């Protein structure tokens, strides 16, 4: 008999992931803080649950996808939470991006109840979530990963085991640190191109076969019309929201500080993203920093 699965957290990433699980498995227990989002999946075979405990109580594998460490902790420990409903032997897979130290704490809380836990933060954004091609960075017991791998393959193309609890979160934060640095560099480069009156599309052709080639150039040129699917050509729709990246860079800074690692670049990138949020761009794709720099170049004042 196949494992019964529950999915908690139907946000921008979680909802398309749940849809892929439903397509692959035909059934799924679901819970969301806004119940209407869970109810919307009923027609696809989902069973909406009133509480996290109810969802976990009918599942062998419980997947979580929420924005922050406090929300994961709350889902696990509240009176009607996952650990109130989960039976010994249940496996929790947390796809949230949170602090490595928090993930280690959550694994210990689960172990005290006889529940196994994996962290599996994601890369690929909403495009990858919809396509089922996400990369999962897994921390936790390797044998537990093999048990749940068939379930994870419904949402992810690349599944990496990276070590014990905290390892997956650390790799995810480093991944996003690198991507943010790419995006800020690309934003500044294209602001120069626009200000100089050069053809951004032709410059992109050069970058794609030169040392500038990177994910930010391939997917997020911050000039409308250069790439049909880029956020800049679609009203800056995420993608990966500015507020999400700002949160992850804050976590990366905290982890670096705890390890005694100086990270000057991430501090500057985080500052720019925070300015973008102050300008009202929190919900827009992080590539909107390109618009921000171009606007400043054209004389729009920076925030005080």
C-alpha atoms as a PDB file:
ATOM      1  CA  UNK A   1       0.000   0.000   0.000  1.00  0.00           C
ATOM      2  CA  UNK A   2       1.391   3.416  -0.951  1.00  0.00           C
ATOM      3  CA  UNK A   3       2.099   6.021   1.680  1.00  0.00           C
ATOM      4  CA  UNK A   4      -0.647   8.510   2.433  1.00  0.00           C
ATOM      5  CA  UNK A   5       0.536  12.086   2.047  1.00  0.00           C
ATOM      6  CA  UNK A   6      -0.555  15.381   3.578  1.00  0.00           C
ATOM      7  CA  UNK A   7       0.523  18.819   2.373  1.00  0.00           C
ATOM      8  CA  UNK A   8       0.351  21.890   4.612  1.00  0.00           C
ATOM      9  CA  UNK A   9       0.890  25.388   3.236  1.00  0.00           C
ATOM     10  CA  UNK A  10      -0.693  26.245  -0.118  1.00  0.00           C
ATOM     11  CA  UNK A  11       1.077  29.488  -0.967  1.00  0.00           C
ATOM     12  CA  UNK A  12       2.775  30.515  -4.195  1.00  0.00           C
ATOM     13  CA  UNK A  13       5.079  27.477  -4.053  1.00  0.00           C
ATOM     14  CA  UNK A  14       2.966  25.034  -2.087  1.00  0.00           C
ATOM     15  CA  UNK A  15      -0.200  25.195  -4.176  1.00  0.00           C
ATOM     16  CA  UNK A  16       1.414  24.097  -7.471  1.00  0.00           C
ATOM     17  CA  UNK A  17       3.439  21.468  -5.603  1.00  0.00           C
ATOM     18  CA  UNK A  18       0.216  20.066  -4.154  1.00  0.00           C
ATOM     19  CA  UNK A  19      -1.323  19.993  -7.622  1.00  0.00           C
ATOM     20  CA  UNK A  20       1.616  17.954  -8.914  1.00  0.00           C
ATOM     21  CA  UNK A  21       1.268  15.527  -6.028  1.00  0.00           C
ATOM     22  CA  UNK A  22      -2.420  15.150  -6.810  1.00  0.00           C
ATOM     23  CA  UNK A  23      -1.667  14.456 -10.469  1.00  0.00           C
ATOM     24  CA  UNK A  24       0.893  11.831  -9.489  1.00  0.00           C
ATOM     25  CA  UNK A  25      -1.015  10.180  -6.634  1.00  0.00           C
ATOM     26  CA  UNK A  26      -4.702  10.935  -7.152  1.00  0.00           C
ATOM     27  CA  UNK A  27      -5.272  11.840  -3.502  1.00  0.00           C
ATOM     28  CA  UNK A  28      -3.799  14.174  -0.929  1.00  0.00           C
ATOM     29  CA  UNK A  29      -4.750  15.534   2.475  1.00  0.00           C
ATOM     30  CA  UNK A  30      -4.347  19.318   2.490  1.00  0.00           C
ATOM     31  CA  UNK A  31      -4.441  22.135   5.025  1.00  0.00           C
ATOM     32  CA  UNK A  32      -3.923  25.857   4.671  1.00  0.00           C
ATOM     33  CA  UNK A  33      -4.361  28.777   7.057  1.00  0.00           C
ATOM     34  CA  UNK A  34      -6.817  30.225   4.522  1.00  0.00           C
ATOM     35  CA  UNK A  35      -9.191  27.285   4.185  1.00  0.00           C
ATOM     36  CA  UNK A  36     -10.516  28.361   0.781  1.00  0.00           C
ATOM     37  CA  UNK A  37      -7.175  27.487  -0.818  1.00  0.00           C
ATOM     38  CA  UNK A  38      -7.448  23.924   0.445  1.00  0.00           C
ATOM     39  CA  UNK A  39     -11.085  23.698  -0.596  1.00  0.00           C
ATOM     40  CA  UNK A  40     -10.167  24.756  -4.136  1.00  0.00           C
ATOM     41  CA  UNK A  41      -8.239  21.506  -4.567  1.00  0.00           C
ATOM     42  CA  UNK A  42     -11.124  19.219  -3.566  1.00  0.00           C
ATOM     43  CA  UNK A  43     -12.202  18.732  -7.158  1.00  0.00           C
ATOM     44  CA  UNK A  44      -8.758  17.328  -8.001  1.00  0.00           C
ATOM     45  CA  UNK A  45      -9.036  14.630  -5.336  1.00  0.00           C
ATOM     46  CA  UNK A  46      -7.736  16.505  -2.304  1.00  0.00           C
ATOM     47  CA  UNK A  47      -9.220  16.083   1.160  1.00  0.00           C
ATOM     48  CA  UNK A  48      -9.238  19.469   2.925  1.00  0.00           C
ATOM     49  CA  UNK A  49      -8.579  19.176   6.659  1.00  0.00           C
ATOM     50  CA  UNK A  50      -9.693  21.532   9.405  1.00  0.00           C
ATOM     51  CA  UNK A  51      -6.422  21.430  11.373  1.00  0.00           C
ATOM     52  CA  UNK A  52      -2.793  20.390  10.878  1.00  0.00           C
ATOM     53  CA  UNK A  53      -3.391  17.587  13.400  1.00  0.00           C
ATOM     54  CA  UNK A  54      -6.249  16.201  11.298  1.00  0.00           C
ATOM     55  CA  UNK A  55      -4.103  16.302   8.176  1.00  0.00           C
ATOM     56  CA  UNK A  56      -1.174  14.595   9.890  1.00  0.00           C
ATOM     57  CA  UNK A  57      -3.333  12.008  11.615  1.00  0.00           C
ATOM     58  CA  UNK A  58      -4.381  10.484   8.306  1.00  0.00           C
ATOM     59  CA  UNK A  59      -0.951  10.574   6.667  1.00  0.00           C
ATOM     60  CA  UNK A  60       2.322   8.666   6.642  1.00  0.00           C
ATOM     61  CA  UNK A  61       4.241  11.580   5.114  1.00  0.00           C
ATOM     62  CA  UNK A  62       3.499  15.195   6.036  1.00  0.00           C
ATOM     63  CA  UNK A  63       4.939  17.942   3.839  1.00  0.00           C
ATOM     64  CA  UNK A  64       5.237  21.543   5.021  1.00  0.00           C
ATOM     65  CA  UNK A  65       5.815  24.643   2.901  1.00  0.00           C
ATOM     66  CA  UNK A  66       5.504  27.916   4.838  1.00  0.00           C
ATOM     67  CA  UNK A  67       7.531  31.150   4.841  1.00  0.00           C
ATOM     68  CA  UNK A  68       9.425  31.215   8.144  1.00  0.00           C
ATOM     69  CA  UNK A  69      10.903  29.383  11.133  1.00  0.00           C
ATOM     70  CA  UNK A  70       8.188  30.568  13.570  1.00  0.00           C
ATOM     71  CA  UNK A  71       5.475  29.301  11.231  1.00  0.00           C
ATOM     72  CA  UNK A  72       7.098  25.862  10.968  1.00  0.00           C
ATOM     73  CA  UNK A  73       7.430  25.717  14.760  1.00  0.00           C
ATOM     74  CA  UNK A  74       3.791  26.739  15.163  1.00  0.00           C
ATOM     75  CA  UNK A  75       2.569  24.107  12.692  1.00  0.00           C
ATOM     76  CA  UNK A  76       4.464  21.419  14.566  1.00  0.00           C
ATOM     77  CA  UNK A  77       3.728  22.362  18.183  1.00  0.00           C
ATOM     78  CA  UNK A  78       0.359  24.149  18.393  1.00  0.00           C
ATOM     79  CA  UNK A  79      -2.351  22.209  20.279  1.00  0.00           C
ATOM     80  CA  UNK A  80      -3.943  21.165  16.979  1.00  0.00           C
ATOM     81  CA  UNK A  81      -0.592  20.911  15.198  1.00  0.00           C
ATOM     82  CA  UNK A  82       1.231  18.201  13.300  1.00  0.00           C
ATOM     83  CA  UNK A  83       2.812  16.568  16.343  1.00  0.00           C
ATOM     84  CA  UNK A  84      -0.565  16.414  18.073  1.00  0.00           C
ATOM     85  CA  UNK A  85      -1.901  14.270  15.237  1.00  0.00           C
ATOM     86  CA  UNK A  86       1.095  12.392  13.851  1.00  0.00           C
ATOM     87  CA  UNK A  87       1.662   8.790  14.837  1.00  0.00           C
ATOM     88  CA  UNK A  88       5.119   7.392  15.661  1.00  0.00           C
ATOM     89  CA  UNK A  89       6.772   6.460  12.381  1.00  0.00           C
ATOM     90  CA  UNK A  90       5.309   9.414  10.490  1.00  0.00           C
ATOM     91  CA  UNK A  91       7.777  11.368   8.348  1.00  0.00           C
ATOM     92  CA  UNK A  92       7.682  15.165   8.167  1.00  0.00           C
ATOM     93  CA  UNK A  93       9.319  16.826   5.145  1.00  0.00           C
ATOM     94  CA  UNK A  94       9.791  20.567   5.590  1.00  0.00           C
ATOM     95  CA  UNK A  95      10.212  22.371   2.259  1.00  0.00           C
ATOM     96  CA  UNK A  96      10.394  25.806   3.884  1.00  0.00           C
ATOM     97  CA  UNK A  97      13.591  27.867   3.792  1.00  0.00           C
ATOM     98  CA  UNK A  98      14.489  28.622   7.396  1.00  0.00           C
ATOM     99  CA  UNK A  99      17.512  29.015   9.674  1.00  0.00           C
ATOM    100  CA  UNK A 100      19.641  25.853   9.907  1.00  0.00           C
ATOM    101  CA  UNK A 101      19.574  26.066  13.719  1.00  0.00           C
ATOM    102  CA  UNK A 102      15.771  26.156  13.680  1.00  0.00           C
ATOM    103  CA  UNK A 103      15.642  23.131  11.403  1.00  0.00           C
ATOM    104  CA  UNK A 104      17.869  21.205  13.815  1.00  0.00           C
ATOM    105  CA  UNK A 105      15.547  22.170  16.674  1.00  0.00           C
ATOM    106  CA  UNK A 106      12.489  21.025  14.737  1.00  0.00           C
ATOM    107  CA  UNK A 107      14.070  17.653  13.970  1.00  0.00           C
ATOM    108  CA  UNK A 108      14.714  17.125  17.673  1.00  0.00           C
ATOM    109  CA  UNK A 109      11.128  18.028  18.569  1.00  0.00           C
ATOM    110  CA  UNK A 110       9.867  15.496  16.048  1.00  0.00           C
ATOM    111  CA  UNK A 111      12.267  12.787  17.242  1.00  0.00           C
ATOM    112  CA  UNK A 112      10.932  13.169  20.787  1.00  0.00           C
ATOM    113  CA  UNK A 113       7.529  12.079  19.438  1.00  0.00           C
ATOM    114  CA  UNK A 114       8.925   9.216  17.355  1.00  0.00           C
ATOM    115  CA  UNK A 115       8.476  11.229  14.150  1.00  0.00           C
ATOM    116  CA  UNK A 116      11.265  11.430  11.548  1.00  0.00           C
ATOM    117  CA  UNK A 117      11.964  14.766   9.880  1.00  0.00           C
ATOM    118  CA  UNK A 118      13.748  15.872   6.745  1.00  0.00           C
ATOM    119  CA  UNK A 119      14.427  19.418   5.594  1.00  0.00           C
ATOM    120  CA  UNK A 120      14.063  19.876   1.845  1.00  0.00           C
ATOM    121  CA  UNK A 121      14.272  23.559   0.901  1.00  0.00           C
ATOM    122  CA  UNK A 122      13.615  24.272  -2.741  1.00  0.00           C
ATOM    123  CA  UNK A 123      15.109  26.052  -5.718  1.00  0.00           C
ATOM    124  CA  UNK A 124      13.323  26.777  -8.969  1.00  0.00           C
ATOM    125  CA  UNK A 125      10.734  29.356  -7.984  1.00  0.00           C
ATOM    126  CA  UNK A 126       7.084  29.242  -8.958  1.00  0.00           C
ATOM    127  CA  UNK A 127       7.996  28.215 -12.517  1.00  0.00           C
ATOM    128  CA  UNK A 128       9.745  25.098 -11.233  1.00  0.00           C
ATOM    129  CA  UNK A 129       6.961  24.433  -8.732  1.00  0.00           C
ATOM    130  CA  UNK A 130       4.368  24.425 -11.511  1.00  0.00           C
ATOM    131  CA  UNK A 131       6.504  22.295 -13.831  1.00  0.00           C
ATOM    132  CA  UNK A 132       7.495  19.797 -11.137  1.00  0.00           C
ATOM    133  CA  UNK A 133      11.189  20.445 -11.827  1.00  0.00           C
ATOM    134  CA  UNK A 134      12.309  21.855  -8.492  1.00  0.00           C
ATOM    135  CA  UNK A 135      15.682  21.166  -6.916  1.00  0.00           C
ATOM    136  CA  UNK A 136      15.411  19.819  -3.359  1.00  0.00           C
ATOM    137  CA  UNK A 137      18.310  20.236  -0.923  1.00  0.00           C
ATOM    138  CA  UNK A 138      17.756  17.576   1.691  1.00  0.00           C
ATOM    139  CA  UNK A 139      19.166  17.403   5.196  1.00  0.00           C
ATOM    140  CA  UNK A 140      18.420  14.495   7.514  1.00  0.00           C
ATOM    141  CA  UNK A 141      18.681  10.720   7.543  1.00  0.00           C
ATOM    142  CA  UNK A 142      19.572   9.251   4.137  1.00  0.00           C
ATOM    143  CA  UNK A 143      17.420   6.161   4.698  1.00  0.00           C
ATOM    144  CA  UNK A 144      14.383   8.327   5.424  1.00  0.00           C
ATOM    145  CA  UNK A 145      15.011  10.219   2.196  1.00  0.00           C
ATOM    146  CA  UNK A 146      14.955   6.969   0.219  1.00  0.00           C
ATOM    147  CA  UNK A 147      11.620   6.110   1.822  1.00  0.00           C
ATOM    148  CA  UNK A 148      10.036   9.376   0.675  1.00  0.00           C
ATOM    149  CA  UNK A 149      11.922   9.803  -2.610  1.00  0.00           C
ATOM    150  CA  UNK A 150       9.018   8.494  -4.761  1.00  0.00           C
ATOM    151  CA  UNK A 151       6.804  11.228  -3.294  1.00  0.00           C
ATOM    152  CA  UNK A 152       9.414  13.955  -3.758  1.00  0.00           C
ATOM    153  CA  UNK A 153       9.939  12.947  -7.381  1.00  0.00           C
ATOM    154  CA  UNK A 154       6.425  14.230  -8.120  1.00  0.00           C
ATOM    155  CA  UNK A 155       7.569  17.769  -7.310  1.00  0.00           C
ATOM    156  CA  UNK A 156      11.298  17.787  -8.013  1.00  0.00           C
ATOM    157  CA  UNK A 157      13.706  16.882 -10.781  1.00  0.00           C
ATOM    158  CA  UNK A 158      16.912  17.111  -8.734  1.00  0.00           C
ATOM    159  CA  UNK A 159      16.986  15.669  -5.217  1.00  0.00           C
ATOM    160  CA  UNK A 160      20.258  15.954  -3.293  1.00  0.00           C
ATOM    161  CA  UNK A 161      21.102  14.480   0.103  1.00  0.00           C
ATOM    162  CA  UNK A 162      23.577  16.896   1.691  1.00  0.00           C
ATOM    163  CA  UNK A 163      24.051  15.659   5.242  1.00  0.00           C
ATOM    164  CA  UNK A 164      22.279  15.850   8.567  1.00  0.00           C
ATOM    165  CA  UNK A 165      19.731  18.360   9.793  1.00  0.00           C
ATOM    166  CA  UNK A 166      20.765  21.901   8.900  1.00  0.00           C
ATOM    167  CA  UNK A 167      22.866  20.890   5.888  1.00  0.00           C
ATOM    168  CA  UNK A 168      20.084  21.363   3.351  1.00  0.00           C
ATOM    169  CA  UNK A 169      19.152  24.758   4.777  1.00  0.00           C
ATOM    170  CA  UNK A 170      22.773  25.914   4.742  1.00  0.00           C
ATOM    171  CA  UNK A 171      23.233  24.932   1.100  1.00  0.00           C
ATOM    172  CA  UNK A 172      19.948  26.655   0.199  1.00  0.00           C
ATOM    173  CA  UNK A 173      21.030  29.900   1.869  1.00  0.00           C
ATOM    174  CA  UNK A 174      24.381  29.776   0.067  1.00  0.00           C
ATOM    175  CA  UNK A 175      22.574  29.111  -3.220  1.00  0.00           C
ATOM    176  CA  UNK A 176      20.385  32.169  -2.751  1.00  0.00           C
ATOM    177  CA  UNK A 177      23.321  34.286  -1.631  1.00  0.00           C
ATOM    178  CA  UNK A 178      25.000  33.515  -4.969  1.00  0.00           C
ATOM    179  CA  UNK A 179      21.831  34.125  -6.984  1.00  0.00           C
ATOM    180  CA  UNK A 180      21.184  37.478  -5.288  1.00  0.00           C
ATOM    181  CA  UNK A 181      24.731  38.593  -6.091  1.00  0.00           C
ATOM    182  CA  UNK A 182      24.125  37.620  -9.734  1.00  0.00           C
ATOM    183  CA  UNK A 183      20.892  39.561  -9.836  1.00  0.00           C
ATOM    184  CA  UNK A 184      22.332  42.739  -8.362  1.00  0.00           C
ATOM    185  CA  UNK A 185      25.272  42.589 -10.770  1.00  0.00           C
ATOM    186  CA  UNK A 186      22.928  42.043 -13.713  1.00  0.00           C
ATOM    187  CA  UNK A 187      20.716  44.921 -12.534  1.00  0.00           C
ATOM    188  CA  UNK A 188      23.658  47.308 -12.477  1.00  0.00           C
ATOM    189  CA  UNK A 189      25.017  46.101 -15.838  1.00  0.00           C
ATOM    190  CA  UNK A 190      21.700  46.571 -17.635  1.00  0.00           C
ATOM    191  CA  UNK A 191      21.229  50.003 -16.078  1.00  0.00           C
ATOM    192  CA  UNK A 192      24.550  50.973 -17.700  1.00  0.00           C
ATOM    193  CA  UNK A 193      23.428  49.518 -21.043  1.00  0.00           C
ATOM    194  CA  UNK A 194      20.090  51.362 -20.946  1.00  0.00           C
ATOM    195  CA  UNK A 195      21.703  54.644 -19.911  1.00  0.00           C
ATOM    196  CA  UNK A 196      24.289  54.289 -22.691  1.00  0.00           C
ATOM    197  CA  UNK A 197      21.532  53.744 -25.249  1.00  0.00           C
ATOM    198  CA  UNK A 198      22.749  50.278 -26.256  1.00  0.00           C
ATOM    199  CA  UNK A 199      20.655  47.331 -27.430  1.00  0.00           C
ATOM    200  CA  UNK A 200      20.029  45.207 -24.340  1.00  0.00           C
ATOM    201  CA  UNK A 201      18.966  42.200 -26.427  1.00  0.00           C
ATOM    202  CA  UNK A 202      22.211  42.191 -28.412  1.00  0.00           C
ATOM    203  CA  UNK A 203      24.215  42.582 -25.211  1.00  0.00           C
ATOM    204  CA  UNK A 204      22.346  39.612 -23.765  1.00  0.00           C
ATOM    205  CA  UNK A 205      23.378  37.500 -26.759  1.00  0.00           C
ATOM    206  CA  UNK A 206      26.980  38.368 -25.927  1.00  0.00           C
ATOM    207  CA  UNK A 207      26.601  37.596 -22.211  1.00  0.00           C
ATOM    208  CA  UNK A 208      25.043  34.196 -22.884  1.00  0.00           C
ATOM    209  CA  UNK A 209      28.213  32.994 -24.629  1.00  0.00           C
ATOM    210  CA  UNK A 210      30.672  34.858 -22.392  1.00  0.00           C
ATOM    211  CA  UNK A 211      31.821  34.794 -18.803  1.00  0.00           C
ATOM    212  CA  UNK A 212      28.764  36.841 -17.745  1.00  0.00           C
ATOM    213  CA  UNK A 213      26.480  33.854 -18.426  1.00  0.00           C
ATOM    214  CA  UNK A 214      24.467  32.957 -15.321  1.00  0.00           C
ATOM    215  CA  UNK A 215      20.910  32.190 -14.237  1.00  0.00           C
ATOM    216  CA  UNK A 216      20.089  35.874 -13.777  1.00  0.00           C
ATOM    217  CA  UNK A 217      21.087  36.621 -17.390  1.00  0.00           C
ATOM    218  CA  UNK A 218      19.334  33.543 -18.755  1.00  0.00           C
ATOM    219  CA  UNK A 219      16.055  34.097 -16.924  1.00  0.00           C
ATOM    220  CA  UNK A 220      15.782  37.611 -15.483  1.00  0.00           C
ATOM    221  CA  UNK A 221      17.084  40.338 -17.772  1.00  0.00           C
ATOM    222  CA  UNK A 222      15.553  43.448 -16.127  1.00  0.00           C
ATOM    223  CA  UNK A 223      14.560  45.158 -19.389  1.00  0.00           C
ATOM    224  CA  UNK A 224      11.062  44.606 -20.795  1.00  0.00           C
ATOM    225  CA  UNK A 225      10.898  42.851 -24.145  1.00  0.00           C
ATOM    226  CA  UNK A 226      14.324  41.217 -24.117  1.00  0.00           C
ATOM    227  CA  UNK A 227      13.029  37.890 -22.757  1.00  0.00           C
ATOM    228  CA  UNK A 228       9.350  37.047 -23.211  1.00  0.00           C
ATOM    229  CA  UNK A 229       9.133  34.993 -20.018  1.00  0.00           C
ATOM    230  CA  UNK A 230      11.226  37.255 -17.797  1.00  0.00           C
ATOM    231  CA  UNK A 231       9.469  39.110 -14.966  1.00  0.00           C
ATOM    232  CA  UNK A 232      10.458  42.448 -16.559  1.00  0.00           C
ATOM    233  CA  UNK A 233       8.291  41.558 -19.561  1.00  0.00           C
ATOM    234  CA  UNK A 234       5.386  40.506 -17.356  1.00  0.00           C
ATOM    235  CA  UNK A 235       4.860  43.333 -14.886  1.00  0.00           C
ATOM    236  CA  UNK A 236       7.593  42.005 -12.580  1.00  0.00           C
ATOM    237  CA  UNK A 237       5.373  39.103 -11.496  1.00  0.00           C
ATOM    238  CA  UNK A 238       7.307  36.587  -9.363  1.00  0.00           C
ATOM    239  CA  UNK A 239       9.099  34.254  -9.860  1.00  0.00           C
ATOM    240  CA  UNK A 240      10.865  34.726  -6.614  1.00  0.00           C
ATOM    241  CA  UNK A 241       9.558  37.675  -4.672  1.00  0.00           C
ATOM    242  CA  UNK A 242      11.826  40.417  -3.366  1.00  0.00           C
ATOM    243  CA  UNK A 243      10.636  39.817   0.197  1.00  0.00           C
ATOM    244  CA  UNK A 244      11.500  36.121  -0.037  1.00  0.00           C
ATOM    245  CA  UNK A 245      15.054  36.828  -1.117  1.00  0.00           C
ATOM    246  CA  UNK A 246      15.449  39.536   1.515  1.00  0.00           C
ATOM    247  CA  UNK A 247      14.371  37.025   4.163  1.00  0.00           C
ATOM    248  CA  UNK A 248      16.828  34.424   2.901  1.00  0.00           C
ATOM    249  CA  UNK A 249      19.714  36.894   2.778  1.00  0.00           C
ATOM    250  CA  UNK A 250      18.971  37.873   6.374  1.00  0.00           C
ATOM    251  CA  UNK A 251      19.169  34.190   7.320  1.00  0.00           C
ATOM    252  CA  UNK A 252      22.425  33.839   5.371  1.00  0.00           C
ATOM    253  CA  UNK A 253      23.875  36.822   7.247  1.00  0.00           C
ATOM    254  CA  UNK A 254      22.874  35.316  10.586  1.00  0.00           C
ATOM    255  CA  UNK A 255      24.414  31.953   9.695  1.00  0.00           C
ATOM    256  CA  UNK A 256      27.619  33.611   8.490  1.00  0.00           C
ATOM    257  CA  UNK A 257      27.837  35.607  11.715  1.00  0.00           C
ATOM    258  CA  UNK A 258      27.360  32.469  13.800  1.00  0.00           C
ATOM    259  CA  UNK A 259      30.181  30.771  11.885  1.00  0.00           C
ATOM    260  CA  UNK A 260      32.487  33.793  12.007  1.00  0.00           C
ATOM    261  CA  UNK A 261      32.468  34.277   8.241  1.00  0.00           C
ATOM    262  CA  UNK A 262      32.614  37.874   6.919  1.00  0.00           C
ATOM    263  CA  UNK A 263      30.086  38.362   4.110  1.00  0.00           C
ATOM    264  CA  UNK A 264      30.319  41.875   2.692  1.00  0.00           C
ATOM    265  CA  UNK A 265      28.557  41.184  -0.614  1.00  0.00           C
ATOM    266  CA  UNK A 266      25.457  39.664   0.974  1.00  0.00           C
ATOM    267  CA  UNK A 267      25.129  42.676   3.289  1.00  0.00           C
ATOM    268  CA  UNK A 268      25.086  45.074   0.341  1.00  0.00           C
ATOM    269  CA  UNK A 269      22.648  42.923  -1.635  1.00  0.00           C
ATOM    270  CA  UNK A 270      20.357  42.663   1.383  1.00  0.00           C
ATOM    271  CA  UNK A 271      20.393  46.435   1.806  1.00  0.00           C
ATOM    272  CA  UNK A 272      19.352  46.951  -1.822  1.00  0.00           C
ATOM    273  CA  UNK A 273      16.491  44.464  -1.511  1.00  0.00           C
ATOM    274  CA  UNK A 274      15.292  46.177   1.651  1.00  0.00           C
ATOM    275  CA  UNK A 275      15.248  49.487  -0.224  1.00  0.00           C
ATOM    276  CA  UNK A 276      13.186  47.814  -2.975  1.00  0.00           C
ATOM    277  CA  UNK A 277      10.724  46.676  -0.330  1.00  0.00           C
ATOM    278  CA  UNK A 278      10.511  50.208   1.076  1.00  0.00           C
ATOM    279  CA  UNK A 279       9.659  51.386  -2.453  1.00  0.00           C
ATOM    280  CA  UNK A 280       6.661  49.022  -2.501  1.00  0.00           C
ATOM    281  CA  UNK A 281       8.251  46.188  -4.471  1.00  0.00           C
ATOM    282  CA  UNK A 282       8.153  43.469  -1.786  1.00  0.00           C
ATOM    283  CA  UNK A 283       5.701  41.240  -3.679  1.00  0.00           C
ATOM    284  CA  UNK A 284       7.373  41.739  -7.068  1.00  0.00           C
ATOM    285  CA  UNK A 285      10.124  39.557  -8.493  1.00  0.00           C
ATOM    286  CA  UNK A 286      13.576  40.271  -7.079  1.00  0.00           C
ATOM    287  CA  UNK A 287      14.743  41.288 -10.568  1.00  0.00           C
ATOM    288  CA  UNK A 288      12.806  44.522  -9.944  1.00  0.00           C
ATOM    289  CA  UNK A 289      16.087  45.784  -8.469  1.00  0.00           C
ATOM    290  CA  UNK A 290      16.962  46.381 -12.138  1.00  0.00           C
ATOM    291  CA  UNK A 291      14.051  48.802 -12.444  1.00  0.00           C
ATOM    292  CA  UNK A 292      15.101  50.453  -9.194  1.00  0.00           C
ATOM    293  CA  UNK A 293      18.639  51.161 -10.434  1.00  0.00           C
ATOM    294  CA  UNK A 294      17.413  52.279 -13.865  1.00  0.00           C
ATOM    295  CA  UNK A 295      14.952  54.666 -12.217  1.00  0.00           C
ATOM    296  CA  UNK A 296      17.720  56.113 -10.054  1.00  0.00           C
ATOM    297  CA  UNK A 297      19.886  56.499 -13.157  1.00  0.00           C
ATOM    298  CA  UNK A 298      17.088  58.485 -14.802  1.00  0.00           C
ATOM    299  CA  UNK A 299      16.852  60.852 -11.853  1.00  0.00           C
ATOM    300  CA  UNK A 300      14.233  59.272  -9.581  1.00  0.00           C
ATOM    301  CA  UNK A 301      15.365  60.114  -6.033  1.00  0.00           C
ATOM    302  CA  UNK A 302      16.532  57.362  -3.733  1.00  0.00           C
ATOM    303  CA  UNK A 303      14.537  56.871  -0.516  1.00  0.00           C
ATOM    304  CA  UNK A 304      15.843  58.800   2.476  1.00  0.00           C
END
